[in-house]
Amino acid sequence: MALSDEIRARLAPLVDPAVGVGFGRARLVRAVEADETARRASVTIGLLAPGHPRRDDLERAVREALADVELAHLDVAFELAIPERVPKPGQQPIDGVKHVLAVAAGKGGVGKSTVSTNLAFALRRLGAAVGLLDADIYGPSLPKMLGEPEREVGKAPEGEGIAPALYRGMPAMSVAYFVEPGRAVIWRGPMIHKLLRQFAEDVRWGDLDALVVDLPPGTGDAQISLCQLVPVSGAVIVTTPQEVALLDVRKAIDMFRKLEVPVLGVIENMSLYRCPSCGHAERIFGEGGGRRLAEEFDLPFLGELPLDPRIAAGGEAGTPIVEMAPDDPVTEAFCRVATQTMIAAAKASFAGPRRSARLRPLS
């Protein structure tokens, strides 16, 4: 047996410890280069999520699996291998986009748009290619939270389609770009459906690992249209700890399940306030509501995000805190939530129909 074939055979039975899928099924052995004479080899392993929390365990497992192979030297490298969901009948994939992540909430005022924005920048910080779609038709806020664009919305360079706005390299689209400031958007369902179709079909997003979609609160036309039009990898539910917020969240979870969209998990926002002067921590809105909700519906609890004035200040200034304070504990919390979200999306992809991964080297 050739050395490269022996290496592949020994690695095939391994399992990704974070996603729980086998190397063979997920085709995680992306490349093997072997020098028979010098007994040197290099293997490239696919990571199903950016910021993979078990990367060291993966490398250890690879080296242990090849310990009995007589090698003078072994290099282990990694690259993203994001799986895609296969569309259902009537759906059209967004060209170049692997994951569509719908960020939803049962009610307004829970910080959904702030979470969407910082989630997108956290994913990019972890090495993913990300875009932002503001689908909150009646209350678009992402343009304000993103600041001044380096490129306005316009005609695609290739002559057909729409070029999204660009913010520090991140593509973004919103209904706010097409209405006068301060004007109300008074649209019925068919118009919302048409706009979301245009965002999905005509916008040239480029190659993205994830498109984060900020949905309006509730269970209305925008949610239904998005889930009908494109294969949504999953919905992320944002809530605050108190029970009055959880009442409406239960309806949102029920809606996505009826639409056959995986619910990836629950994010609890505004969980904890820590006094910057004395360090005292207080759970102003109660404790554990998001975790209890996740347990009630047998969903992953994706993590807690703090109540921090700098998060709101970043949104007002057009610089999300993940950008503004990249080494801050708040940014670390967003990055942990982003990683868990992508792991949940990978699990959902392998739980149902999927496409083979398209690869992009890790930055």
Foldseek 3Di string as FASTA:
>chain_A
DDPQVVLCVLQQQDALVLQGHTCVVQVQFVDKDADVVQQEIETEGEDQAQPRVCPVVVVVVSCVSCVPPDHPYYHYHYFHFHWAADDDPQADAQPQERAEEEEAFLDPDLCRLLLLVLLQVLRVVSFWQEAEEELAQFDGQLDQLQDDFPADWDADPVGFFIEATHRVRHGYDYCVSVDDPPDGDDDDLVVSLVVVLSVRHRYCRHNGHYYYYYYHHRQDNSVLSVLSHHQHLAYEYEFAQAPVRVVSRVVVVVNCVVSVGHHQFYEHEQQWDADPPPRDIDRPRDHDRRVVSCVVVVHDHLAYAHDDVVQVVSSNNSHGVCRVPVPDVNSVRSSSSSRSSSSSSRSSNVVDPIDGTDIDGGD
